[in-house]
């Protein structure tokens, strides 16, 4: 048992991170021990290579605007651990988080006595969120997949709606080396008589249709060509002949908004388009083309698929600006490939370091390197003109570090 939330979080984060994903029996047994009833709550499950968090927060914002009580589970966090678990769009309090982790700590001790081993970090965290949502008696649970889908800890529930945002090459070590293998893993969240909404590329639609037919699930594909941009800043779209205002910037947010619109209408067909638009205009999701200082934006473009979306946004939303990039990433994110792809669309690139055990120096890359991220950012701010923007991007861990440690000191 823990007396402080810091000690509780340290314990959770010190648990085994990964084990071979061969079965959901581990967490199913944990859920049985938890003994909670979630049958009366609507449930939404969201996976995809990118955009998962944005879809979750769009849906959350729309429903909260309708006074519907919502529990949202997302990962990872940028600044504070509490961000992973939200009630009505707000982070779980330290007091509630401490209580929930203490409860799951006792469950884990009992689990170890029965089964001879402990649950993993993400399994424990998933159970923490579900117990909290049950205790809070929410109307809707929104769960974001950690990695993949089929054997992800969040896949232990029978969801009313499944969402797959897109499919790209990421987490290949766990999911496979082809788009088809990655897609099939993510399609593992779709269960019999379930309903799937997706904005995957058209080339994957036959695979998705066949899978859904085989498991007797409803399939709805949103063709991104049918989402029209009215304005970039402010971000306004036309979807199915209704005008929606979005708070989140970037071309990729159009499809994330359309998914949220369809899911909400499926769950509550009496919610009006006007109310949905108000909810979308209030969505808060830090680290996604977010303005943090005058002339400084941050974006967690943490894989090649996200870099593609970022480039599209640079060519549309920010096409009037010279973009000066400050970049850092963990070694498993293919930093050189990411930067080579980004290079033709930006004015300059500076790489930097940040404190993480998985960080390996980027000094060897063919770009300017400044080890101190604060110095690097200050130099870029000092040198920029009114036609320049500083873009801080790379690993979400890097973005979170900058938001927590560096940017507040410059305000």
Protein backbone atom coordinates (compact mmCIF):
# COMPACT_ATOMS: atom_id res chain seq x y z
CA UNK A 1 0.00 0.00 0.00
CA UNK A 2 1.19 3.51 -0.79
CA UNK A 3 0.85 6.81 1.06
CA UNK A 4 1.65 9.10 -1.87
CA UNK A 5 0.62 9.10 -5.52
CA UNK A 6 4.30 9.41 -6.50
CA UNK A 7 5.11 6.12 -4.78
CA UNK A 8 2.05 4.47 -6.29
CA UNK A 9 2.92 5.54 -9.83
CA UNK A 10 6.55 4.46 -9.34
CA UNK A 11 5.33 0.99 -8.37
CA UNK A 12 3.07 0.67 -11.43
CA UNK A 13 5.80 1.88 -13.77
CA UNK A 14 8.32 -0.56 -12.27
CA UNK A 15 6.23 -3.61 -13.16
CA UNK A 16 7.14 -5.81 -16.11
CA UNK A 17 6.53 -3.79 -19.28
CA UNK A 18 6.25 -6.48 -21.92
CA UNK A 19 5.79 -10.21 -22.10
CA UNK A 20 5.18 -12.29 -25.24
CA UNK A 21 1.63 -11.56 -26.40
CA UNK A 22 0.15 -15.02 -26.73
CA UNK A 23 -3.08 -14.77 -24.76
CA UNK A 24 -5.47 -12.41 -22.99
CA UNK A 25 -5.98 -14.94 -20.19
CA UNK A 26 -3.69 -13.00 -17.83
CA UNK A 27 -5.81 -9.87 -17.79
CA UNK A 28 -9.09 -11.78 -18.13
CA UNK A 29 -8.27 -13.50 -14.85
CA UNK A 30 -7.43 -10.12 -13.37
CA UNK A 31 -10.75 -8.66 -14.52
CA UNK A 32 -12.59 -11.60 -12.96
CA UNK A 33 -10.86 -10.89 -9.64
CA UNK A 34 -11.76 -7.21 -9.98
CA UNK A 35 -15.45 -8.24 -9.99
CA UNK A 36 -17.01 -5.15 -11.59
CA UNK A 37 -20.13 -4.81 -13.74
CA UNK A 38 -19.69 -2.73 -16.90
CA UNK A 39 -22.69 -4.15 -18.75
CA UNK A 40 -24.82 -1.00 -18.45
CA UNK A 41 -22.16 1.28 -19.98
CA UNK A 42 -21.67 2.01 -23.68
CA UNK A 43 -18.15 1.13 -24.78
CA UNK A 44 -15.93 2.44 -27.58
CA UNK A 45 -12.61 0.83 -28.58
CA UNK A 46 -10.12 2.79 -30.71
CA UNK A 47 -6.99 1.57 -32.49
CA UNK A 48 -4.91 2.58 -35.50
CA UNK A 49 -1.35 3.65 -36.25
CA UNK A 50 -2.01 7.35 -35.61
CA UNK A 51 -4.92 9.54 -34.54
CA UNK A 52 -6.24 7.23 -31.82
CA UNK A 53 -5.94 9.81 -29.07
CA UNK A 54 -7.48 12.58 -31.17
CA UNK A 55 -10.51 10.41 -31.97
CA UNK A 56 -10.91 9.48 -28.30
CA UNK A 57 -10.77 13.11 -27.18
CA UNK A 58 -13.12 14.28 -29.96
CA UNK A 59 -15.73 11.72 -28.90
CA UNK A 60 -15.18 12.62 -25.25
CA UNK A 61 -15.65 16.34 -25.89
CA UNK A 62 -18.84 15.86 -27.92
CA UNK A 63 -20.44 13.61 -25.29
CA UNK A 64 -19.38 15.72 -22.30
CA UNK A 65 -20.94 18.72 -24.05
CA UNK A 66 -24.21 16.73 -23.90
CA UNK A 67 -23.82 16.12 -20.14
CA UNK A 68 -23.03 12.46 -20.76
CA UNK A 69 -20.60 11.06 -18.19
CA UNK A 70 -17.50 9.73 -19.95
CA UNK A 71 -14.45 7.76 -18.84
CA UNK A 72 -11.51 7.91 -21.26
CA UNK A 73 -8.36 5.78 -21.22
CA UNK A 74 -5.48 6.87 -23.47
CA UNK A 75 -1.72 6.44 -23.71
CA UNK A 76 0.98 7.52 -23.48
CA UNK A 77 0.98 10.73 -21.44
CA UNK A 78 2.92 13.90 -22.22
CA UNK A 79 3.46 15.66 -18.90
CA UNK A 80 1.71 13.83 -16.07
CA UNK A 81 0.81 10.17 -15.52
CA UNK A 82 -2.77 11.15 -14.62
CA UNK A 83 -3.41 12.10 -18.26
CA UNK A 84 -3.93 8.41 -19.09
CA UNK A 85 -7.24 8.22 -17.21
CA UNK A 86 -9.86 10.93 -17.61
CA UNK A 87 -13.33 11.60 -16.24
CA UNK A 88 -15.35 13.95 -18.46
CA UNK A 89 -12.17 15.00 -20.23
CA UNK A 90 -10.31 15.92 -17.03
CA UNK A 91 -7.32 13.99 -15.65
CA UNK A 92 -7.95 11.70 -12.71
CA UNK A 93 -7.06 13.47 -9.45
CA UNK A 94 -3.98 12.48 -7.46
CA UNK A 95 -6.22 11.34 -4.61
CA UNK A 96 -8.37 9.12 -6.83
CA UNK A 97 -5.34 7.74 -8.68
CA UNK A 98 -3.66 6.84 -5.37
CA UNK A 99 -6.80 5.06 -4.20
CA UNK A 100 -7.19 3.14 -7.46
CA UNK A 101 -3.55 2.01 -7.59
CA UNK A 102 -3.72 0.87 -3.97
CA UNK A 103 -6.80 -1.18 -4.86
CA UNK A 104 -5.07 -2.78 -7.86
CA UNK A 105 -1.91 -3.37 -5.78
CA UNK A 106 -3.95 -5.54 -3.41
CA UNK A 107 -5.55 -7.32 -6.37
CA UNK A 108 -2.11 -7.99 -7.86
CA UNK A 109 -0.87 -9.48 -4.59
CA UNK A 110 -3.88 -11.82 -4.57
CA UNK A 111 -3.32 -12.60 -8.25
CA UNK A 112 0.31 -13.58 -7.57
CA UNK A 113 -0.74 -15.95 -4.80
CA UNK A 114 -3.26 -17.67 -7.07
CA UNK A 115 -1.33 -17.78 -10.36
CA UNK A 116 2.30 -17.55 -9.28
CA UNK A 117 3.19 -14.37 -11.18
CA UNK A 118 2.16 -10.73 -11.37
CA UNK A 119 0.32 -8.72 -13.99
CA UNK A 120 2.21 -6.42 -16.36
CA UNK A 121 2.30 -2.62 -16.31
CA UNK A 122 -0.31 -2.12 -19.04
CA UNK A 123 -2.57 -4.88 -17.70
CA UNK A 124 -2.54 -3.23 -14.27
CA UNK A 125 -3.17 0.20 -15.77
CA UNK A 126 -6.10 -1.10 -17.81
CA UNK A 127 -7.65 -2.58 -14.67
CA UNK A 128 -7.06 0.67 -12.77
CA UNK A 129 -9.00 2.58 -15.41
CA UNK A 130 -11.88 0.10 -15.59
CA UNK A 131 -12.29 0.00 -11.82
CA UNK A 132 -12.27 3.80 -11.68
CA UNK A 133 -14.86 4.11 -14.46
CA UNK A 134 -17.05 1.52 -12.73
CA UNK A 135 -16.79 3.34 -9.41
CA UNK A 136 -17.65 6.66 -11.10
CA UNK A 137 -20.66 5.07 -12.83
CA UNK A 138 -19.86 6.58 -16.22
CA UNK A 139 -22.29 6.33 -19.12
CA UNK A 140 -19.63 5.71 -21.78
CA UNK A 141 -16.17 4.13 -21.63
CA UNK A 142 -13.67 5.05 -24.36
CA UNK A 143 -10.58 2.85 -24.46
CA UNK A 144 -7.52 3.48 -26.61
CA UNK A 145 -5.49 0.43 -27.60
CA UNK A 146 -1.88 0.39 -26.40
CA UNK A 147 -0.26 -1.60 -29.24
CA UNK A 148 -2.00 -3.47 -32.03
CA UNK A 149 -5.40 -4.77 -31.06
CA UNK A 150 -5.90 -8.53 -31.00
CA UNK A 151 -3.87 -9.25 -27.86
CA UNK A 152 -3.88 -5.78 -26.34
CA UNK A 153 -5.04 -5.70 -22.71
CA UNK A 154 -7.93 -3.37 -23.63
CA UNK A 155 -9.41 -6.07 -25.87
CA UNK A 156 -11.00 -7.99 -22.99
CA UNK A 157 -14.35 -6.18 -23.23
CA UNK A 158 -17.18 -6.55 -25.71
CA UNK A 159 -17.46 -3.06 -27.19
CA UNK A 160 -20.47 -1.42 -28.79
CA UNK A 161 -18.27 0.30 -31.36
CA UNK A 162 -14.78 -0.40 -32.70
CA UNK A 163 -12.72 2.26 -34.49
CA UNK A 164 -9.61 1.82 -36.64
CA UNK A 165 -8.17 5.17 -37.70
CA UNK A 166 -5.49 4.16 -40.20
CA UNK A 167 -2.81 1.57 -40.86
CA UNK A 168 0.89 2.40 -41.17
CA UNK A 169 4.26 0.79 -40.55
CA UNK A 170 4.86 1.05 -36.81
CA UNK A 171 5.55 -1.45 -34.02
CA UNK A 172 6.60 -3.96 -36.71
CA UNK A 173 8.48 -6.04 -34.13
CA UNK A 174 5.19 -6.81 -32.39
CA UNK A 175 2.73 -6.62 -35.28
CA UNK A 176 4.51 -7.77 -38.43
CA UNK A 177 6.32 -6.27 -41.40
CA UNK A 178 3.45 -5.74 -43.85
CA UNK A 179 0.42 -3.45 -43.82
CA UNK A 180 -1.79 -6.54 -44.10
CA UNK A 181 -0.31 -8.22 -41.01
CA UNK A 182 -0.57 -4.98 -39.03
CA UNK A 183 -4.14 -4.49 -40.25
CA UNK A 184 -5.17 -8.00 -39.25
CA UNK A 185 -3.75 -7.50 -35.77
CA UNK A 186 -5.70 -4.26 -35.35
CA UNK A 187 -8.84 -5.90 -36.81
CA UNK A 188 -8.60 -8.28 -33.85
CA UNK A 189 -10.60 -5.72 -31.83
CA UNK A 190 -13.66 -6.41 -34.02
CA UNK A 191 -15.87 -9.07 -32.48
CA UNK A 192 -18.99 -10.92 -33.58
CA UNK A 193 -21.98 -8.60 -34.15
CA UNK A 194 -19.73 -5.63 -33.43
CA UNK A 195 -19.73 -2.40 -35.48
CA UNK A 196 -16.55 -1.00 -37.02
CA UNK A 197 -15.92 2.55 -38.27
CA UNK A 198 -12.69 3.28 -40.12
CA UNK A 199 -10.90 5.73 -42.41
CA UNK A 200 -8.21 3.33 -43.65
CA UNK A 201 -6.86 3.79 -47.16
CA UNK A 202 -9.14 2.44 -49.89
CA UNK A 203 -6.64 -0.30 -50.81
CA UNK A 204 -7.29 -1.99 -47.44
CA UNK A 205 -11.10 -1.82 -47.64
CA UNK A 206 -11.53 -5.30 -49.24
CA UNK A 207 -9.49 -6.86 -46.44
CA UNK A 208 -11.58 -5.04 -43.84
CA UNK A 209 -14.87 -5.98 -45.49
CA UNK A 210 -13.89 -9.65 -45.69
CA UNK A 211 -12.83 -9.72 -42.04
CA UNK A 212 -16.05 -8.06 -40.85
CA UNK A 213 -18.17 -10.41 -42.98
CA UNK A 214 -16.40 -13.43 -41.47
CA UNK A 215 -17.12 -12.29 -37.90
CA UNK A 216 -20.63 -11.01 -38.73
CA UNK A 217 -19.76 -7.42 -37.86
CA UNK A 218 -21.15 -4.23 -39.38
CA UNK A 219 -18.61 -2.30 -41.46
CA UNK A 220 -18.62 1.45 -42.16
CA UNK A 221 -15.85 3.01 -44.22
CA UNK A 222 -15.47 6.79 -44.32
CA UNK A 223 -13.97 7.96 -47.61
CA UNK A 224 -11.74 10.92 -46.79
CA UNK A 225 -12.52 12.39 -50.21
CA UNK A 226 -15.98 13.23 -48.88
CA UNK A 227 -14.58 15.50 -46.15
CA UNK A 228 -14.07 18.99 -47.54
CA UNK A 229 -11.85 21.68 -46.04
CA UNK A 230 -13.53 25.08 -45.72
CA UNK A 231 -10.74 26.78 -43.75
CA UNK A 232 -7.39 25.74 -42.26
CA UNK A 233 -7.15 28.35 -39.48
CA UNK A 234 -9.73 28.33 -37.98
CA UNK A 235 -10.16 24.68 -38.92
CA UNK A 236 -13.57 24.25 -40.52
CA UNK A 237 -14.78 21.26 -42.54
CA UNK A 238 -17.85 20.24 -44.51
CA UNK A 239 -18.88 16.66 -43.80
CA UNK A 240 -22.12 15.29 -45.22
CA UNK A 241 -23.33 18.82 -45.99
CA UNK A 242 -22.86 20.15 -42.47
CA UNK A 243 -20.21 22.62 -41.38
CA UNK A 244 -18.14 21.62 -38.34
CA UNK A 245 -15.55 23.72 -36.54
CA UNK A 246 -12.57 21.78 -35.17
CA UNK A 247 -10.23 22.87 -32.41
CA UNK A 248 -7.45 20.52 -33.55
CA UNK A 249 -5.32 21.74 -36.45
CA UNK A 250 -3.93 19.71 -39.34
CA UNK A 251 -5.38 17.95 -42.38
CA UNK A 252 -5.32 14.56 -40.65
CA UNK A 253 -7.75 15.87 -38.03
CA UNK A 254 -10.52 15.94 -40.63
CA UNK A 255 -10.80 12.16 -40.71
CA UNK A 256 -10.42 11.94 -36.92
CA UNK A 257 -13.38 14.33 -36.58
CA UNK A 258 -15.47 12.38 -39.10
CA UNK A 259 -14.88 9.15 -37.15
CA UNK A 260 -15.95 10.86 -33.94
CA UNK A 261 -19.09 12.24 -35.62
CA UNK A 262 -20.12 8.82 -36.89
CA UNK A 263 -19.44 7.06 -33.59
CA UNK A 264 -21.42 9.61 -31.58
CA UNK A 265 -24.36 9.42 -34.00
CA UNK A 266 -24.28 5.62 -33.78
CA UNK A 267 -24.34 5.69 -29.97
CA UNK A 268 -26.84 8.56 -29.61
CA UNK A 269 -28.82 9.20 -32.78
CA UNK A 270 -30.66 12.14 -31.22
CA UNK A 271 -27.56 14.35 -30.82
CA UNK A 272 -27.81 17.24 -33.28
CA UNK A 273 -25.06 18.27 -35.68
CA UNK A 274 -24.90 21.70 -34.05
CA UNK A 275 -24.10 20.12 -30.68
CA UNK A 276 -21.50 17.85 -32.26
CA UNK A 277 -19.80 20.86 -33.84
CA UNK A 278 -19.69 22.65 -30.48
CA UNK A 279 -18.10 19.58 -28.92
CA UNK A 280 -15.48 19.31 -31.66
CA UNK A 281 -14.64 23.00 -31.24
CA UNK A 282 -13.87 22.36 -27.56
CA UNK A 283 -11.67 19.27 -27.95
CA UNK A 284 -8.40 19.46 -26.04
CA UNK A 285 -5.56 17.13 -27.03
CA UNK A 286 -2.10 18.53 -26.23
CA UNK A 287 0.92 17.83 -28.39
CA UNK A 288 -0.89 17.76 -31.73
CA UNK A 289 0.08 20.86 -33.74
CA UNK A 290 -0.29 22.75 -30.47
CA UNK A 291 0.86 26.35 -30.16
CA UNK A 292 2.93 26.53 -26.96
CA UNK A 293 4.77 29.84 -27.40
CA UNK A 294 4.48 32.69 -29.88
CA UNK A 295 5.63 31.21 -33.18
CA UNK A 296 6.36 27.80 -31.63
CA UNK A 297 4.25 24.69 -32.23
CA UNK A 298 4.77 21.13 -31.06
CA UNK A 299 3.62 17.92 -32.68
CA UNK A 300 4.20 14.31 -31.72
CA UNK A 301 4.98 12.99 -35.21
CA UNK A 302 6.54 9.88 -33.73
CA UNK A 303 6.60 7.50 -36.71
CA UNK A 304 6.79 7.55 -40.51
CA UNK A 305 3.02 7.55 -40.94
CA UNK A 306 2.73 10.55 -38.64
CA UNK A 307 5.52 12.32 -40.53
CA UNK A 308 3.43 11.95 -43.71
CA UNK A 309 0.47 13.61 -41.98
CA UNK A 310 2.72 16.35 -40.60
CA UNK A 311 4.14 17.09 -44.06
CA UNK A 312 0.63 17.40 -45.48
CA UNK A 313 -0.25 19.87 -42.72
CA UNK A 314 2.93 21.87 -43.39
CA UNK A 315 1.92 22.13 -47.06
CA UNK A 316 -1.63 23.23 -46.23
CA UNK A 317 -2.23 24.67 -42.77
CA UNK A 318 1.23 26.24 -42.45
CA UNK A 319 2.15 26.75 -46.11
CA UNK A 320 2.80 30.49 -45.61
CA UNK A 321 5.62 29.88 -43.12
CA UNK A 322 9.26 28.84 -43.14
CA UNK A 323 9.44 25.87 -40.78
CA UNK A 324 12.48 25.44 -38.52
CA UNK A 325 12.46 22.02 -36.90
CA UNK A 326 13.78 21.03 -33.48
CA UNK A 327 13.79 17.23 -33.38
CA UNK A 328 14.64 14.39 -31.05
CA UNK A 329 13.50 10.80 -30.87
CA UNK A 330 14.18 7.42 -29.36
CA UNK A 331 16.47 5.18 -31.41
CA UNK A 332 13.70 2.71 -32.34
CA UNK A 333 11.80 5.43 -34.22
CA UNK A 334 14.10 5.52 -37.30
CA UNK A 335 15.10 9.16 -36.78
CA UNK A 336 17.21 9.43 -39.95
CA UNK A 337 14.42 8.15 -42.19
CA UNK A 338 11.93 10.48 -40.50
CA UNK A 339 14.15 13.52 -40.99
CA UNK A 340 15.11 12.65 -44.58
CA UNK A 341 11.42 12.55 -45.43
CA UNK A 342 10.72 15.82 -43.62
CA UNK A 343 13.78 17.68 -44.95
CA UNK A 344 12.43 18.85 -48.35
CA UNK A 345 9.45 20.57 -46.71
CA UNK A 346 11.21 22.60 -44.00
CA UNK A 347 13.67 25.50 -43.85
CA UNK A 348 16.07 24.00 -41.28
CA UNK A 349 16.53 21.02 -38.98
CA UNK A 350 18.22 21.00 -35.57
CA UNK A 351 18.52 17.80 -33.55
CA UNK A 352 18.89 17.67 -29.79
CA UNK A 353 18.97 15.33 -26.80
CA UNK A 354 16.63 14.65 -23.88
CA UNK A 355 16.85 12.52 -20.74
CA UNK A 356 15.50 9.04 -21.46
CA UNK A 357 17.25 5.71 -20.97
CA UNK A 358 16.24 4.68 -24.52
CA UNK A 359 17.68 7.81 -26.16
CA UNK A 360 20.80 7.35 -28.26
CA UNK A 361 22.73 10.41 -29.45
CA UNK A 362 21.61 11.95 -32.74
CA UNK A 363 24.89 13.82 -33.12
CA UNK A 364 25.94 11.45 -35.92
CA UNK A 365 23.05 12.54 -38.16
CA UNK A 366 23.80 15.02 -40.99
CA UNK A 367 22.05 17.92 -39.27
CA UNK A 368 22.95 20.64 -36.82
CA UNK A 369 23.11 19.18 -33.30
CA UNK A 370 22.71 21.05 -30.01
CA UNK A 371 22.82 18.76 -27.01
CA UNK A 372 20.95 21.14 -24.68
CA UNK A 373 17.28 21.29 -25.81
CA UNK A 374 16.63 24.59 -24.04
CA UNK A 375 19.59 26.24 -25.77
CA UNK A 376 18.50 24.75 -29.09
CA UNK A 377 14.96 26.11 -28.74
CA UNK A 378 16.12 29.54 -27.57
CA UNK A 379 18.48 29.82 -30.56
CA UNK A 380 15.67 29.01 -32.99
CA UNK A 381 13.33 31.50 -31.32
CA UNK A 382 16.00 34.19 -31.37
CA UNK A 383 16.69 33.69 -35.08
CA UNK A 384 13.11 33.47 -36.37
CA UNK A 385 11.30 36.20 -38.28
CA UNK A 386 7.56 36.85 -38.56
CA UNK A 387 7.44 34.42 -41.52
CA UNK A 388 9.09 31.64 -39.51
CA UNK A 389 7.63 28.97 -37.27
CA UNK A 390 9.55 26.73 -34.90
CA UNK A 391 8.26 23.16 -34.97
CA UNK A 392 9.25 20.93 -32.03
CA UNK A 393 8.64 17.33 -33.05
CA UNK A 394 9.73 13.70 -32.71
CA UNK A 395 9.05 11.10 -30.02
CA UNK A 396 6.06 11.72 -27.78
CA UNK A 397 8.49 11.26 -24.89
CA UNK A 398 10.55 14.17 -26.25
CA UNK A 399 7.45 16.32 -26.75
CA UNK A 400 6.34 15.56 -23.20
CA UNK A 401 9.74 16.48 -21.80
CA UNK A 402 9.72 19.80 -23.67
CA UNK A 403 6.20 20.60 -22.46
CA UNK A 404 6.98 19.74 -18.87
CA UNK A 405 10.55 20.94 -18.38
CA UNK A 406 11.55 23.45 -21.06
CA UNK A 407 8.59 25.40 -22.42
CA UNK A 408 7.15 26.52 -19.02
CA UNK A 409 10.51 28.12 -18.19
CA UNK A 410 10.31 30.22 -21.36
CA UNK A 411 6.82 31.62 -20.81
